[in-house]
């Protein structure tokens, strides 16, 4: 269960290969809502989903600002953001093993 003090911006890759960007303070519940068709209108009928990006923020305001900035990006820029985050994760995992 996600702590309500955790504010998360996420990107879902839908089954039709489109991307959906959203905000939540409970990722597990929000993903369940998307899957059940009660999340966002855009995601209805587009499942199953793959979470391809997550970023956590200390305040709702910071998270909402990031969500807005991501929504201003075009598709190519969003995929670049996802790739950049994946590189960060892979680098972190590699340094953890040392």
PDB file of N, CA and C in Angstrom:
ATOM      1  N   UNK A   1       0.851  -1.182   0.000  1.00  0.00           N
ATOM      2  CA  UNK A   1       0.000   0.000   0.000  1.00  0.00           C
ATOM      3  C   UNK A   1       0.892   1.239   0.000  1.00  0.00           C
ATOM      4  N   UNK A   2       0.556   2.193  -0.852  1.00  0.00           N
ATOM      5  CA  UNK A   2       1.343   3.402  -0.968  1.00  0.00           C
ATOM      6  C   UNK A   2       0.982   4.369   0.150  1.00  0.00           C
ATOM      7  N   UNK A   3       1.978   4.994   0.737  1.00  0.00           N
ATOM      8  CA  UNK A   3       1.773   6.015   1.753  1.00  0.00           C
ATOM      9  C   UNK A   3       1.144   7.239   1.095  1.00  0.00           C
ATOM     10  N   UNK A   4       0.143   7.829   1.724  1.00  0.00           N
ATOM     11  CA  UNK A   4      -0.536   8.986   1.141  1.00  0.00           C
ATOM     12  C   UNK A   4       0.351  10.214   1.065  1.00  0.00           C
ATOM     13  N   UNK A   5       1.516  10.179   1.702  1.00  0.00           N
ATOM     14  CA  UNK A   5       2.459  11.286   1.582  1.00  0.00           C
ATOM     15  C   UNK A   5       3.320  11.150   0.332  1.00  0.00           C
ATOM     16  N   UNK A   6       3.083  10.082  -0.428  1.00  0.00           N
ATOM     17  CA  UNK A   6       3.841   9.825  -1.650  1.00  0.00           C
ATOM     18  C   UNK A   6       2.982  10.232  -2.841  1.00  0.00           C
ATOM     19  N   UNK A   7       3.522  11.105  -3.655  1.00  0.00           N
ATOM     20  CA  UNK A   7       2.782  11.602  -4.821  1.00  0.00           C
ATOM     21  C   UNK A   7       3.502  11.103  -6.068  1.00  0.00           C
ATOM     22  N   UNK A   8       2.767  10.400  -6.919  1.00  0.00           N
ATOM     23  CA  UNK A   8       3.363   9.670  -8.024  1.00  0.00           C
ATOM     24  C   UNK A   8       2.810  10.135  -9.374  1.00  0.00           C
ATOM     25  N   UNK A   9       3.711  10.367 -10.301  1.00  0.00           N
ATOM     26  CA  UNK A   9       3.357  10.602 -11.699  1.00  0.00           C
ATOM     27  C   UNK A   9       3.760   9.336 -12.434  1.00  0.00           C
ATOM     28  N   UNK A  10       2.868   8.844 -13.281  1.00  0.00           N
ATOM     29  CA  UNK A  10       3.140   7.583 -13.967  1.00  0.00           C
ATOM     30  C   UNK A  10       2.718   7.679 -15.435  1.00  0.00           C
ATOM     31  N   UNK A  11       3.312   6.809 -16.230  1.00  0.00           N
ATOM     32  CA  UNK A  11       2.916   6.668 -17.633  1.00  0.00           C
ATOM     33  C   UNK A  11       2.573   5.207 -17.858  1.00  0.00           C
ATOM     34  N   UNK A  12       1.411   4.986 -18.436  1.00  0.00           N
ATOM     35  CA  UNK A  12       0.981   3.645 -18.814  1.00  0.00           C
ATOM     36  C   UNK A  12       1.119   3.493 -20.317  1.00  0.00           C
ATOM     37  N   UNK A  13       1.587   2.340 -20.739  1.00  0.00           N
ATOM     38  CA  UNK A  13       1.548   1.986 -22.160  1.00  0.00           C
ATOM     39  C   UNK A  13       0.325   1.090 -22.314  1.00  0.00           C
ATOM     40  N   UNK A  14      -0.604   1.540 -23.149  1.00  0.00           N
ATOM     41  CA  UNK A  14      -1.849   0.799 -23.352  1.00  0.00           C
ATOM     42  C   UNK A  14      -1.648  -0.292 -24.407  1.00  0.00           C
ATOM     43  N   UNK A  15      -2.604  -1.213 -24.480  1.00  0.00           N
ATOM     44  CA  UNK A  15      -2.488  -2.329 -25.426  1.00  0.00           C
ATOM     45  C   UNK A  15      -2.471  -1.863 -26.878  1.00  0.00           C
ATOM     46  N   UNK A  16      -3.026  -0.668 -27.151  1.00  0.00           N
ATOM     47  CA  UNK A  16      -3.006  -0.136 -28.521  1.00  0.00           C
ATOM     48  C   UNK A  16      -1.751   0.697 -28.788  1.00  0.00           C
ATOM     49  N   UNK A  17      -0.759   0.577 -27.876  1.00  0.00           N
ATOM     50  CA  UNK A  17       0.541   1.239 -27.990  1.00  0.00           C
ATOM     51  C   UNK A  17       0.475   2.746 -27.766  1.00  0.00           C
ATOM     52  N   UNK A  18      -0.624   3.249 -27.198  1.00  0.00           N
ATOM     53  CA  UNK A  18      -0.693   4.656 -26.834  1.00  0.00           C
ATOM     54  C   UNK A  18      -0.192   4.813 -25.404  1.00  0.00           C
ATOM     55  N   UNK A  19       0.084   6.052 -25.016  1.00  0.00           N
ATOM     56  CA  UNK A  19       0.584   6.338 -23.676  1.00  0.00           C
ATOM     57  C   UNK A  19      -0.424   7.178 -22.910  1.00  0.00           C
ATOM     58  N   UNK A  20      -0.578   6.889 -21.632  1.00  0.00           N
ATOM     59  CA  UNK A  20      -1.440   7.670 -20.762  1.00  0.00           C
ATOM     60  C   UNK A  20      -0.609   8.126 -19.569  1.00  0.00           C
ATOM     61  N   UNK A  21      -0.661   9.418 -19.275  1.00  0.00           N
ATOM     62  CA  UNK A  21       0.062   9.986 -18.138  1.00  0.00           C
ATOM     63  C   UNK A  21      -0.928  10.372 -17.061  1.00  0.00           C
ATOM     64  N   UNK A  22      -0.620  10.018 -15.811  1.00  0.00           N
ATOM     65  CA  UNK A  22      -1.520  10.344 -14.720  1.00  0.00           C
ATOM     66  C   UNK A  22      -0.796  10.608 -13.416  1.00  0.00           C
ATOM     67  N   UNK A  23      -1.588  11.001 -12.413  1.00  0.00           N
ATOM     68  CA  UNK A  23      -1.099  11.284 -11.066  1.00  0.00           C
ATOM     69  C   UNK A  23      -1.885  10.434 -10.071  1.00  0.00           C
ATOM     70  N   UNK A  24      -1.230   9.999  -9.013  1.00  0.00           N
ATOM     71  CA  UNK A  24      -1.918   9.291  -7.941  1.00  0.00           C
ATOM     72  C   UNK A  24      -1.105   9.374  -6.652  1.00  0.00           C
ATOM     73  N   UNK A  25      -1.755   9.073  -5.539  1.00  0.00           N
ATOM     74  CA  UNK A  25      -1.019   8.894  -4.289  1.00  0.00           C
ATOM     75  C   UNK A  25      -1.205   7.456  -3.801  1.00  0.00           C
ATOM     76  N   UNK A  26      -1.777   6.610  -4.676  1.00  0.00           N
ATOM     77  CA  UNK A  26      -1.962   5.187  -4.373  1.00  0.00           C
ATOM     78  C   UNK A  26      -1.883   4.415  -5.695  1.00  0.00           C
ATOM     79  N   UNK A  27      -0.673   4.065  -6.100  1.00  0.00           N
ATOM     80  CA  UNK A  27      -0.440   3.461  -7.417  1.00  0.00           C
ATOM     81  C   UNK A  27      -1.178   2.136  -7.580  1.00  0.00           C
ATOM     82  N   UNK A  28      -1.142   1.315  -6.556  1.00  0.00           N
ATOM     83  CA  UNK A  28      -1.787  -0.003  -6.637  1.00  0.00           C
ATOM     84  C   UNK A  28      -3.286   0.143  -6.913  1.00  0.00           C
ATOM     85  N   UNK A  29      -3.941   1.008  -6.167  1.00  0.00           N
ATOM     86  CA  UNK A  29      -5.378   1.234  -6.342  1.00  0.00           C
ATOM     87  C   UNK A  29      -5.684   1.875  -7.696  1.00  0.00           C
ATOM     88  N   UNK A  30      -4.854   2.822  -8.105  1.00  0.00           N
ATOM     89  CA  UNK A  30      -5.087   3.521  -9.381  1.00  0.00           C
ATOM     90  C   UNK A  30      -4.971   2.555 -10.558  1.00  0.00           C
ATOM     91  N   UNK A  31      -3.989   1.680 -10.518  1.00  0.00           N
ATOM     92  CA  UNK A  31      -3.815   0.691 -11.583  1.00  0.00           C
ATOM     93  C   UNK A  31      -5.005  -0.263 -11.622  1.00  0.00           C
ATOM     94  N   UNK A  32      -5.487  -0.633 -10.442  1.00  0.00           N
ATOM     95  CA  UNK A  32      -6.676  -1.484 -10.350  1.00  0.00           C
ATOM     96  C   UNK A  32      -7.879  -0.783 -10.998  1.00  0.00           C
ATOM     97  N   UNK A  33      -8.025   0.510 -10.737  1.00  0.00           N
ATOM     98  CA  UNK A  33      -9.132   1.279 -11.323  1.00  0.00           C
ATOM     99  C   UNK A  33      -9.033   1.312 -12.851  1.00  0.00           C
ATOM    100  N   UNK A  34      -7.819   1.548 -13.364  1.00  0.00           N
ATOM    101  CA  UNK A  34      -7.628   1.552 -14.825  1.00  0.00           C
ATOM    102  C   UNK A  34      -8.015   0.186 -15.401  1.00  0.00           C
ATOM    103  N   UNK A  35      -7.576  -0.879 -14.755  1.00  0.00           N
ATOM    104  CA  UNK A  35      -7.846  -2.231 -15.228  1.00  0.00           C
ATOM    105  C   UNK A  35      -9.346  -2.530 -15.226  1.00  0.00           C
ATOM    106  N   UNK A  36     -10.047  -2.049 -14.205  1.00  0.00           N
ATOM    107  CA  UNK A  36     -11.489  -2.280 -14.101  1.00  0.00           C
ATOM    108  C   UNK A  36     -12.308  -1.348 -14.995  1.00  0.00           C
ATOM    109  N   UNK A  37     -11.647  -0.370 -15.632  1.00  0.00           N
ATOM    110  CA  UNK A  37     -12.364   0.554 -16.500  1.00  0.00           C
ATOM    111  C   UNK A  37     -12.970   1.736 -15.771  1.00  0.00           C
ATOM    112  N   UNK A  38     -12.580   1.925 -14.499  1.00  0.00           N
ATOM    113  CA  UNK A  38     -13.113   3.050 -13.736  1.00  0.00           C
ATOM    114  C   UNK A  38     -12.061   4.122 -13.483  1.00  0.00           C
ATOM    115  N   UNK A  39     -10.891   3.971 -14.100  1.00  0.00           N
ATOM    116  CA  UNK A  39      -9.811   4.949 -13.926  1.00  0.00           C
ATOM    117  C   UNK A  39     -10.103   6.198 -14.738  1.00  0.00           C
ATOM    118  N   UNK A  40      -9.392   6.393 -15.793  1.00  0.00           N
ATOM    119  CA  UNK A  40      -9.590   7.544 -16.664  1.00  0.00           C
ATOM    120  C   UNK A  40     -10.398   7.123 -17.887  1.00  0.00           C
ATOM    121  N   UNK A  41     -11.197   8.034 -18.384  1.00  0.00           N
ATOM    122  CA  UNK A  41     -12.012   7.744 -19.569  1.00  0.00           C
ATOM    123  C   UNK A  41     -11.129   7.272 -20.733  1.00  0.00           C
ATOM    124  N   UNK A  42      -9.956   7.897 -20.883  1.00  0.00           N
ATOM    125  CA  UNK A  42      -9.055   7.565 -21.987  1.00  0.00           C
ATOM    126  C   UNK A  42      -8.628   6.099 -21.965  1.00  0.00           C
ATOM    127  N   UNK A  43      -8.425   5.538 -20.777  1.00  0.00           N
ATOM    128  CA  UNK A  43      -7.875   4.181 -20.691  1.00  0.00           C
ATOM    129  C   UNK A  43      -8.934   3.089 -20.810  1.00  0.00           C
ATOM    130  N   UNK A  44     -10.204   3.446 -20.782  1.00  0.00           N
ATOM    131  CA  UNK A  44     -11.257   2.417 -20.882  1.00  0.00           C
ATOM    132  C   UNK A  44     -11.138   1.656 -22.201  1.00  0.00           C
ATOM    133  N   UNK A  45     -11.085   0.340 -22.101  1.00  0.00           N
ATOM    134  CA  UNK A  45     -11.006  -0.497 -23.292  1.00  0.00           C
ATOM    135  C   UNK A  45      -9.632  -0.568 -23.920  1.00  0.00           C
ATOM    136  N   UNK A  46      -8.634   0.046 -23.280  1.00  0.00           N
ATOM    137  CA  UNK A  46      -7.277   0.048 -23.844  1.00  0.00           C
ATOM    138  C   UNK A  46      -6.323  -0.861 -23.091  1.00  0.00           C
ATOM    139  N   UNK A  47      -6.827  -1.636 -22.134  1.00  0.00           N
ATOM    140  CA  UNK A  47      -5.980  -2.534 -21.354  1.00  0.00           C
ATOM    141  C   UNK A  47      -5.667  -3.793 -22.137  1.00  0.00           C
ATOM    142  N   UNK A  48      -4.753  -4.615 -21.680  1.00  0.00           N
ATOM    143  CA  UNK A  48      -3.996  -4.466 -20.440  1.00  0.00           C
ATOM    144  C   UNK A  48      -2.933  -3.369 -20.544  1.00  0.00           C
ATOM    145  N   UNK A  49      -2.501  -2.920 -19.390  1.00  0.00           N
ATOM    146  CA  UNK A  49      -1.558  -1.808 -19.323  1.00  0.00           C
ATOM    147  C   UNK A  49      -0.203  -2.262 -18.830  1.00  0.00           C
ATOM    148  N   UNK A  50       0.798  -1.506 -19.215  1.00  0.00           N
ATOM    149  CA  UNK A  50       2.151  -1.734 -18.724  1.00  0.00           C
ATOM    150  C   UNK A  50       2.617  -0.401 -18.129  1.00  0.00           C
ATOM    151  N   UNK A  51       3.034  -0.412 -16.867  1.00  0.00           N
ATOM    152  CA  UNK A  51       3.577   0.795 -16.249  1.00  0.00           C
ATOM    153  C   UNK A  51       4.997   0.960 -16.780  1.00  0.00           C
ATOM    154  N   UNK A  52       5.248   2.061 -17.496  1.00  0.00           N
ATOM    155  CA  UNK A  52       6.557   2.246 -18.124  1.00  0.00           C
ATOM    156  C   UNK A  52       7.352   3.401 -17.504  1.00  0.00           C
ATOM    157  N   UNK A  53       6.714   4.155 -16.605  1.00  0.00           N
ATOM    158  CA  UNK A  53       7.397   5.294 -15.985  1.00  0.00           C
ATOM    159  C   UNK A  53       6.729   5.595 -14.654  1.00  0.00           C
ATOM    160  N   UNK A  54       7.546   5.772 -13.619  1.00  0.00           N
ATOM    161  CA  UNK A  54       7.059   6.215 -12.314  1.00  0.00           C
ATOM    162  C   UNK A  54       8.074   7.197 -11.757  1.00  0.00           C
ATOM    163  N   UNK A  55       7.559   8.314 -11.247  1.00  0.00           N
ATOM    164  CA  UNK A  55       8.414   9.263 -10.542  1.00  0.00           C
ATOM    165  C   UNK A  55       7.667   9.725  -9.301  1.00  0.00           C
ATOM    166  N   UNK A  56       8.354   9.704  -8.165  1.00  0.00           N
ATOM    167  CA  UNK A  56       7.737  10.067  -6.894  1.00  0.00           C
ATOM    168  C   UNK A  56       8.165  11.468  -6.474  1.00  0.00           C
ATOM    169  N   UNK A  57       7.245  12.171  -5.814  1.00  0.00           N
ATOM    170  CA  UNK A  57       7.481  13.538  -5.378  1.00  0.00           C
ATOM    171  C   UNK A  57       7.031  13.711  -3.930  1.00  0.00           C
ATOM    172  N   UNK A  58       7.672  14.639  -3.198  1.00  0.00           N
ATOM    173  CA  UNK A  58       7.278  14.862  -1.806  1.00  0.00           C
ATOM    174  C   UNK A  58       5.958  15.632  -1.666  1.00  0.00           C
ATOM    175  N   UNK A  59       5.582  16.413  -2.688  1.00  0.00           N
ATOM    176  CA  UNK A  59       4.339  17.185  -2.596  1.00  0.00           C
ATOM    177  C   UNK A  59       3.462  16.959  -3.819  1.00  0.00           C
ATOM    178  N   UNK A  60       2.166  17.132  -3.627  1.00  0.00           N
ATOM    179  CA  UNK A  60       1.212  16.991  -4.725  1.00  0.00           C
ATOM    180  C   UNK A  60       1.480  18.046  -5.795  1.00  0.00           C
ATOM    181  N   UNK A  61       1.829  19.246  -5.368  1.00  0.00           N
ATOM    182  CA  UNK A  61       2.082  20.338  -6.314  1.00  0.00           C
ATOM    183  C   UNK A  61       3.214  19.994  -7.278  1.00  0.00           C
ATOM    184  N   UNK A  62       4.311  19.461  -6.745  1.00  0.00           N
ATOM    185  CA  UNK A  62       5.439  19.076  -7.601  1.00  0.00           C
ATOM    186  C   UNK A  62       5.031  17.980  -8.583  1.00  0.00           C
ATOM    187  N   UNK A  63       4.270  17.018  -8.092  1.00  0.00           N
ATOM    188  CA  UNK A  63       3.829  15.922  -8.955  1.00  0.00           C
ATOM    189  C   UNK A  63       2.916  16.431 -10.060  1.00  0.00           C
ATOM    190  N   UNK A  64       1.994  17.311  -9.724  1.00  0.00           N
ATOM    191  CA  UNK A  64       1.061  17.841 -10.721  1.00  0.00           C
ATOM    192  C   UNK A  64       1.800  18.669 -11.777  1.00  0.00           C
ATOM    193  N   UNK A  65       2.825  19.392 -11.343  1.00  0.00           N
ATOM    194  CA  UNK A  65       3.626  20.165 -12.306  1.00  0.00           C
ATOM    195  C   UNK A  65       4.351  19.238 -13.271  1.00  0.00           C
ATOM    196  N   UNK A  66       4.902  18.137 -12.752  1.00  0.00           N
ATOM    197  CA  UNK A  66       5.599  17.168 -13.608  1.00  0.00           C
ATOM    198  C   UNK A  66       4.611  16.504 -14.569  1.00  0.00           C
ATOM    199  N   UNK A  67       3.433  16.147 -14.066  1.00  0.00           N
ATOM    200  CA  UNK A  67       2.412  15.544 -14.922  1.00  0.00           C
ATOM    201  C   UNK A  67       2.078  16.496 -16.073  1.00  0.00           C
ATOM    202  N   UNK A  68       1.900  17.770 -15.768  1.00  0.00           N
ATOM    203  CA  UNK A  68       1.589  18.773 -16.793  1.00  0.00           C
ATOM    204  C   UNK A  68       2.715  18.846 -17.825  1.00  0.00           C
ATOM    205  N   UNK A  69       3.974  18.889 -17.343  1.00  0.00           N
ATOM    206  CA  UNK A  69       5.114  18.982 -18.274  1.00  0.00           C
ATOM    207  C   UNK A  69       5.173  17.755 -19.188  1.00  0.00           C
ATOM    208  N   UNK A  70       4.918  16.575 -18.633  1.00  0.00           N
ATOM    209  CA  UNK A  70       4.939  15.357 -19.446  1.00  0.00           C
ATOM    210  C   UNK A  70       3.829  15.408 -20.495  1.00  0.00           C
ATOM    211  N   UNK A  71       2.660  15.875 -20.100  1.00  0.00           N
ATOM    212  CA  UNK A  71       1.534  15.931 -21.035  1.00  0.00           C
ATOM    213  C   UNK A  71       1.771  16.919 -22.172  1.00  0.00           C
ATOM    214  N   UNK A  72       2.712  17.842 -21.993  1.00  0.00           N
ATOM    215  CA  UNK A  72       3.057  18.790 -23.063  1.00  0.00           C
ATOM    216  C   UNK A  72       4.011  18.172 -24.087  1.00  0.00           C
ATOM    217  N   UNK A  73       4.633  17.058 -23.726  1.00  0.00           N
ATOM    218  CA  UNK A  73       5.593  16.403 -24.623  1.00  0.00           C
ATOM    219  C   UNK A  73       4.866  15.661 -25.739  1.00  0.00           C
ATOM    220  N   UNK A  74       5.533  15.557 -26.889  1.00  0.00           N
ATOM    221  CA  UNK A  74       4.962  14.721 -27.941  1.00  0.00           C
ATOM    222  C   UNK A  74       5.349  13.265 -27.682  1.00  0.00           C
ATOM    223  N   UNK A  75       4.806  12.370 -28.470  1.00  0.00           N
ATOM    224  CA  UNK A  75       5.007  10.931 -28.269  1.00  0.00           C
ATOM    225  C   UNK A  75       6.493  10.553 -28.252  1.00  0.00           C
ATOM    226  N   UNK A  76       7.238  11.075 -29.200  1.00  0.00           N
ATOM    227  CA  UNK A  76       8.667  10.768 -29.293  1.00  0.00           C
ATOM    228  C   UNK A  76       9.401  11.240 -28.030  1.00  0.00           C
ATOM    229  N   UNK A  77       9.067  12.418 -27.540  1.00  0.00           N
ATOM    230  CA  UNK A  77       9.711  12.949 -26.337  1.00  0.00           C
ATOM    231  C   UNK A  77       9.340  12.123 -25.096  1.00  0.00           C
ATOM    232  N   UNK A  78       8.102  11.634 -25.051  1.00  0.00           N
ATOM    233  CA  UNK A  78       7.691  10.790 -23.923  1.00  0.00           C
ATOM    234  C   UNK A  78       8.476   9.482 -23.914  1.00  0.00           C
ATOM    235  N   UNK A  79       8.654   8.876 -25.091  1.00  0.00           N
ATOM    236  CA  UNK A  79       9.433   7.638 -25.152  1.00  0.00           C
ATOM    237  C   UNK A  79      10.892   7.893 -24.776  1.00  0.00           C
ATOM    238  N   UNK A  80      11.421   9.068 -25.112  1.00  0.00           N
ATOM    239  CA  UNK A  80      12.791   9.411 -24.722  1.00  0.00           C
ATOM    240  C   UNK A  80      12.881   9.546 -23.199  1.00  0.00           C
ATOM    241  N   UNK A  81      11.880  10.162 -22.586  1.00  0.00           N
ATOM    242  CA  UNK A  81      11.817  10.285 -21.132  1.00  0.00           C
ATOM    243  C   UNK A  81      11.810   8.904 -20.477  1.00  0.00           C
ATOM    244  N   UNK A  82      11.031   7.998 -21.041  1.00  0.00           N
ATOM    245  CA  UNK A  82      10.947   6.623 -20.522  1.00  0.00           C
ATOM    246  C   UNK A  82      12.295   5.922 -20.660  1.00  0.00           C
ATOM    247  N   UNK A  83      12.934   6.076 -21.822  1.00  0.00           N
ATOM    248  CA  UNK A  83      14.259   5.450 -22.036  1.00  0.00           C
ATOM    249  C   UNK A  83      15.292   6.015 -21.062  1.00  0.00           C
ATOM    250  N   UNK A  84      15.267   7.337 -20.869  1.00  0.00           N
ATOM    251  CA  UNK A  84      16.223   7.965 -19.945  1.00  0.00           C
ATOM    252  C   UNK A  84      16.030   7.435 -18.526  1.00  0.00           C
ATOM    253  N   UNK A  85      14.783   7.257 -18.091  1.00  0.00           N
ATOM    254  CA  UNK A  85      14.509   6.741 -16.746  1.00  0.00           C
ATOM    255  C   UNK A  85      14.990   5.301 -16.641  1.00  0.00           C
ATOM    256  N   UNK A  86      14.787   4.512 -17.690  1.00  0.00           N
ATOM    257  CA  UNK A  86      15.238   3.120 -17.685  1.00  0.00           C
ATOM    258  C   UNK A  86      16.758   3.052 -17.558  1.00  0.00           C
ATOM    259  N   UNK A  87      17.471   3.945 -18.241  1.00  0.00           N
ATOM    260  CA  UNK A  87      18.934   3.981 -18.133  1.00  0.00           C
ATOM    261  C   UNK A  87      19.357   4.287 -16.701  1.00  0.00           C
ATOM    262  N   UNK A  88      18.650   5.233 -16.055  1.00  0.00           N
ATOM    263  CA  UNK A  88      18.959   5.570 -14.656  1.00  0.00           C
ATOM    264  C   UNK A  88      18.772   4.351 -13.758  1.00  0.00           C
ATOM    265  N   UNK A  89      17.694   3.631 -13.957  1.00  0.00           N
ATOM    266  CA  UNK A  89      17.403   2.448 -13.147  1.00  0.00           C
ATOM    267  C   UNK A  89      18.478   1.391 -13.360  1.00  0.00           C
ATOM    268  N   UNK A  90      18.847   1.165 -14.618  1.00  0.00           N
ATOM    269  CA  UNK A  90      19.859   0.150 -14.920  1.00  0.00           C
ATOM    270  C   UNK A  90      21.208   0.533 -14.309  1.00  0.00           C
ATOM    271  N   UNK A  91      21.584   1.806 -14.372  1.00  0.00           N
ATOM    272  CA  UNK A  91      22.841   2.252 -13.773  1.00  0.00           C
ATOM    273  C   UNK A  91      22.806   2.061 -12.265  1.00  0.00           C
ATOM    274  N   UNK A  92      21.673   2.367 -11.645  1.00  0.00           N
ATOM    275  CA  UNK A  92      21.522   2.202 -10.205  1.00  0.00           C
ATOM    276  C   UNK A  92      21.657   0.736  -9.818  1.00  0.00           C
ATOM    277  N   UNK A  93      21.003  -0.132 -10.576  1.00  0.00           N
ATOM    278  CA  UNK A  93      21.083  -1.574 -10.289  1.00  0.00           C
ATOM    279  C   UNK A  93      22.518  -2.079 -10.427  1.00  0.00           C
ATOM    280  N   UNK A  94      23.230  -1.606 -11.433  1.00  0.00           N
ATOM    281  CA  UNK A  94      24.607  -2.041 -11.636  1.00  0.00           C
ATOM    282  C   UNK A  94      25.521  -1.585 -10.504  1.00  0.00           C
ATOM    283  N   UNK A  95      25.310  -0.373  -9.981  1.00  0.00           N
ATOM    284  CA  UNK A  95      26.153   0.106  -8.876  1.00  0.00           C
ATOM    285  C   UNK A  95      25.790  -0.590  -7.575  1.00  0.00           C
ATOM    286  N   UNK A  96      24.544  -1.024  -7.420  1.00  0.00           N
ATOM    287  CA  UNK A  96      24.110  -1.737  -6.223  1.00  0.00           C
ATOM    288  C   UNK A  96      24.805  -3.101  -6.116  1.00  0.00           C
ATOM    289  N   UNK A  97      25.129  -3.728  -7.235  1.00  0.00           N
ATOM    290  CA  UNK A  97      25.734  -5.056  -7.252  1.00  0.00           C
ATOM    291  C   UNK A  97      27.216  -5.016  -6.916  1.00  0.00           C
ATOM    292  N   UNK A  98      27.810  -3.850  -7.013  1.00  0.00           N
ATOM    293  CA  UNK A  98      29.269  -3.732  -6.756  1.00  0.00           C
ATOM    294  C   UNK A  98      29.603  -3.801  -5.286  1.00  0.00           C
TER     295      UNK A  98
END
